[in-house]
Amino acid sequence: MSGDDGPATRWEYETAEPPRDPTMEEASDPQELLNEYGADGWELADTITYTGGGTKFLVFKRPANDDV
């Protein structure tokens, strides 16, 4: 990476638990949640899973607001 690329992008992160179906054992379709976060400028970056399988958290990122 050269020094002529300008400043690196700073990120802020947010986590959310995926919605669960009525049994609370399986994640249900997260489309609505993803669209809500996307409307606020968040991008799905990764997931954090249980050791035994299954998604525990959705990890979102967006460029940090440097005015804070």
Foldseek 3Di string as FASTA:
>chain_A
DDPPPDDDFAKDKDKDAADADPVNPAGDDRVVVQVVCVVVAWDFDDFDADPVGDTGITMIMHGDDPVD
